[in-house]
Amino acid sequence: QVQLVESGGGLVQPGGSLRLSCAASGSLFGVYTMGWYRQAPGKQRELVAHIITDGSTRYADSVKGRFTISRDNAKKMVYLQMNNLKFEDTAVYSCNAWDRRLGNYWGQGTQVTVSS
């Protein structure tokens, strides 16, 4: 089992940057695929980015070139660097850990608001 705690959300102007962090506790962090999802008001939750155990990454088309996901297995941390933020990036961002045998886990989420 793994517990996830996000931090780093907040209010930012369009064009600004934020770095989200996800701290994991529990064992076998390195085997999980780690992801960031977001849910805007009135919309379904969507995948923003994920990073698998070998470091390979995948991004939603809407964030490619602006967001970067990374992980530090030694520290049990996952990060989402968000640059050139847009109004439409406003959402609750949640950290996810998934492994087909160990299960699927979520953090509580952190609010990101892009507003002028």
C-alpha atoms as a PDB file:
ATOM      1  CA  GLN A   1       0.000   0.000   0.000  1.00  0.00           C
ATOM      2  CA  VAL A   2       1.125   3.570  -0.668  1.00  0.00           C
ATOM      3  CA  GLN A   3      -0.043   6.913   0.648  1.00  0.00           C
ATOM      4  CA  LEU A   4       0.250  10.034  -1.487  1.00  0.00           C
ATOM      5  CA  VAL A   5       0.314  13.674  -0.432  1.00  0.00           C
ATOM      6  CA  GLU A   6       0.374  16.487  -2.960  1.00  0.00           C
ATOM      7  CA  SER A   7       1.639  20.005  -2.469  1.00  0.00           C
ATOM      8  CA  GLY A   8       2.563  23.044  -4.510  1.00  0.00           C
ATOM      9  CA  GLY A   9      -0.776  24.158  -5.852  1.00  0.00           C
ATOM     10  CA  GLY A  10      -1.945  27.734  -5.733  1.00  0.00           C
ATOM     11  CA  LEU A  11      -2.967  30.812  -7.656  1.00  0.00           C
ATOM     12  CA  VAL A  12      -0.879  31.872 -10.629  1.00  0.00           C
ATOM     13  CA  GLN A  13      -1.277  34.285 -13.503  1.00  0.00           C
ATOM     14  CA  PRO A  14      -1.465  33.101 -17.092  1.00  0.00           C
ATOM     15  CA  GLY A  15       2.004  32.410 -18.398  1.00  0.00           C
ATOM     16  CA  GLY A  16       3.297  31.636 -14.941  1.00  0.00           C
ATOM     17  CA  SER A  17       4.748  28.459 -13.517  1.00  0.00           C
ATOM     18  CA  LEU A  18       4.087  26.086 -10.648  1.00  0.00           C
ATOM     19  CA  ARG A  19       5.756  22.924  -9.469  1.00  0.00           C
ATOM     20  CA  LEU A  20       3.587  20.259  -7.911  1.00  0.00           C
ATOM     21  CA  SER A  21       5.094  17.648  -5.637  1.00  0.00           C
ATOM     22  CA  CYS A  22       3.752  14.294  -4.558  1.00  0.00           C
ATOM     23  CA  ALA A  23       5.277  12.606  -1.540  1.00  0.00           C
ATOM     24  CA  ALA A  24       4.733   8.877  -1.258  1.00  0.00           C
ATOM     25  CA  SER A  25       5.028   6.646   1.738  1.00  0.00           C
ATOM     26  CA  GLY A  26       4.944   2.895   1.839  1.00  0.00           C
ATOM     27  CA  SER A  27       6.952   0.238   0.168  1.00  0.00           C
ATOM     28  CA  LEU A  28       7.865  -0.610  -3.413  1.00  0.00           C
ATOM     29  CA  PHE A  29       7.462   2.967  -4.677  1.00  0.00           C
ATOM     30  CA  GLY A  30       9.769   2.236  -7.583  1.00  0.00           C
ATOM     31  CA  VAL A  31       7.485  -0.351  -9.179  1.00  0.00           C
ATOM     32  CA  TYR A  32       4.503   1.965  -9.513  1.00  0.00           C
ATOM     33  CA  THR A  33       3.528   3.925 -12.562  1.00  0.00           C
ATOM     34  CA  MET A  34       3.092   7.429 -11.206  1.00  0.00           C
ATOM     35  CA  GLY A  35       0.728   9.906 -12.722  1.00  0.00           C
ATOM     36  CA  TRP A  36      -0.822  13.310 -12.381  1.00  0.00           C
ATOM     37  CA  TYR A  37      -4.502  13.721 -13.162  1.00  0.00           C
ATOM     38  CA  ARG A  38      -6.694  16.783 -13.030  1.00  0.00           C
ATOM     39  CA  GLN A  39     -10.365  17.540 -12.758  1.00  0.00           C
ATOM     40  CA  ALA A  40     -11.872  20.881 -13.611  1.00  0.00           C
ATOM     41  CA  PRO A  41     -15.342  21.895 -12.402  1.00  0.00           C
ATOM     42  CA  GLY A  42     -18.020  20.155 -14.421  1.00  0.00           C
ATOM     43  CA  LYS A  43     -15.530  17.999 -16.291  1.00  0.00           C
ATOM     44  CA  GLN A  44     -14.291  14.451 -16.028  1.00  0.00           C
ATOM     45  CA  ARG A  45     -10.929  13.671 -14.515  1.00  0.00           C
ATOM     46  CA  GLU A  46      -8.239  13.441 -17.154  1.00  0.00           C
ATOM     47  CA  LEU A  47      -4.689  12.178 -17.313  1.00  0.00           C
ATOM     48  CA  VAL A  48      -2.143  14.988 -17.421  1.00  0.00           C
ATOM     49  CA  ALA A  49       1.050  12.938 -17.456  1.00  0.00           C
ATOM     50  CA  HIS A  50       2.485   9.709 -16.235  1.00  0.00           C
ATOM     51  CA  ILE A  51       5.926   8.228 -15.761  1.00  0.00           C
ATOM     52  CA  ILE A  52       6.639   4.540 -15.613  1.00  0.00           C
ATOM     53  CA  THR A  53       9.356   2.657 -13.824  1.00  0.00           C
ATOM     54  CA  ASP A  54      11.953   3.045 -16.588  1.00  0.00           C
ATOM     55  CA  GLY A  55      11.424   6.784 -16.734  1.00  0.00           C
ATOM     56  CA  SER A  56       9.331   6.815 -19.889  1.00  0.00           C
ATOM     57  CA  THR A  57       6.719   9.528 -19.901  1.00  0.00           C
ATOM     58  CA  ARG A  58       3.406  10.272 -21.539  1.00  0.00           C
ATOM     59  CA  TYR A  59       1.563  13.584 -21.696  1.00  0.00           C
ATOM     60  CA  ALA A  60      -1.863  14.810 -22.612  1.00  0.00           C
ATOM     61  CA  ASP A  61      -1.733  16.726 -25.880  1.00  0.00           C
ATOM     62  CA  SER A  62      -2.939  19.860 -24.115  1.00  0.00           C
ATOM     63  CA  VAL A  63       0.152  20.042 -21.896  1.00  0.00           C
ATOM     64  CA  LYS A  64       2.905  18.765 -24.175  1.00  0.00           C
ATOM     65  CA  GLY A  65       5.830  21.148 -24.280  1.00  0.00           C
ATOM     66  CA  ARG A  66       4.621  22.988 -21.176  1.00  0.00           C
ATOM     67  CA  PHE A  67       4.538  20.368 -18.399  1.00  0.00           C
ATOM     68  CA  THR A  68       7.249  17.972 -17.291  1.00  0.00           C
ATOM     69  CA  ILE A  69       6.786  14.995 -15.013  1.00  0.00           C
ATOM     70  CA  SER A  70       9.690  13.504 -13.111  1.00  0.00           C
ATOM     71  CA  ARG A  71      10.283  11.100 -10.266  1.00  0.00           C
ATOM     72  CA  ASP A  72      12.921  10.514  -7.623  1.00  0.00           C
ATOM     73  CA  ASN A  73      12.625   6.939  -6.455  1.00  0.00           C
ATOM     74  CA  ALA A  74      15.158   7.372  -3.657  1.00  0.00           C
ATOM     75  CA  LYS A  75      13.072  10.181  -2.146  1.00  0.00           C
ATOM     76  CA  LYS A  76       9.728   8.619  -3.115  1.00  0.00           C
ATOM     77  CA  MET A  77       8.724  11.818  -4.854  1.00  0.00           C
ATOM     78  CA  VAL A  78       6.978  12.705  -8.079  1.00  0.00           C
ATOM     79  CA  TYR A  79       6.956  16.199  -9.542  1.00  0.00           C
ATOM     80  CA  LEU A  80       4.997  18.075 -12.147  1.00  0.00           C
ATOM     81  CA  GLN A  81       6.674  21.205 -13.454  1.00  0.00           C
ATOM     82  CA  MET A  82       4.039  23.357 -15.112  1.00  0.00           C
ATOM     83  CA  ASN A  83       5.137  26.251 -17.300  1.00  0.00           C
ATOM     84  CA  ASN A  84       3.244  28.734 -19.429  1.00  0.00           C
ATOM     85  CA  LEU A  85       0.056  28.030 -17.508  1.00  0.00           C
ATOM     86  CA  LYS A  86      -3.243  28.807 -19.153  1.00  0.00           C
ATOM     87  CA  PHE A  87      -6.731  29.525 -17.822  1.00  0.00           C
ATOM     88  CA  GLU A  88      -7.807  26.059 -18.933  1.00  0.00           C
ATOM     89  CA  ASP A  89      -5.207  24.445 -16.677  1.00  0.00           C
ATOM     90  CA  THR A  90      -7.304  25.415 -13.658  1.00  0.00           C
ATOM     91  CA  ALA A  91      -8.275  22.220 -11.868  1.00  0.00           C
ATOM     92  CA  VAL A  92      -7.688  20.012  -8.875  1.00  0.00           C
ATOM     93  CA  TYR A  93      -4.519  18.029  -9.581  1.00  0.00           C
ATOM     94  CA  SER A  94      -4.185  14.591  -8.045  1.00  0.00           C
ATOM     95  CA  CYS A  95      -1.264  12.235  -7.796  1.00  0.00           C
ATOM     96  CA  ASN A  96      -1.797   8.588  -8.680  1.00  0.00           C
ATOM     97  CA  ALA A  97       0.180   5.405  -8.134  1.00  0.00           C
ATOM     98  CA  TRP A  98      -0.739   2.323 -10.132  1.00  0.00           C
ATOM     99  CA  ASP A  99       0.543  -1.203 -10.401  1.00  0.00           C
ATOM    100  CA  ARG A 100      -1.470  -4.057 -11.827  1.00  0.00           C
ATOM    101  CA  ARG A 101      -0.708  -6.270  -8.849  1.00  0.00           C
ATOM    102  CA  LEU A 102      -0.309  -3.783  -6.013  1.00  0.00           C
ATOM    103  CA  GLY A 103      -3.301  -1.601  -6.757  1.00  0.00           C
ATOM    104  CA  ASN A 104      -4.356   1.943  -7.572  1.00  0.00           C
ATOM    105  CA  TYR A 105      -3.896   4.804  -5.108  1.00  0.00           C
ATOM    106  CA  TRP A 106      -4.785   8.498  -5.044  1.00  0.00           C
ATOM    107  CA  GLY A 107      -3.737  11.543  -3.155  1.00  0.00           C
ATOM    108  CA  GLN A 108      -6.218  14.092  -1.854  1.00  0.00           C
ATOM    109  CA  GLY A 109      -5.499  16.614  -4.592  1.00  0.00           C
ATOM    110  CA  THR A 110      -4.192  20.154  -4.769  1.00  0.00           C
ATOM    111  CA  GLN A 111      -5.933  23.127  -6.360  1.00  0.00           C
ATOM    112  CA  VAL A 112      -4.309  24.995  -9.217  1.00  0.00           C
ATOM    113  CA  THR A 113      -5.990  28.210 -10.262  1.00  0.00           C
ATOM    114  CA  VAL A 114      -4.820  30.229 -13.235  1.00  0.00           C
ATOM    115  CA  SER A 115      -6.300  33.693 -13.121  1.00  0.00           C
ATOM    116  CA  SER A 116      -5.375  37.260 -13.897  1.00  0.00           C
END
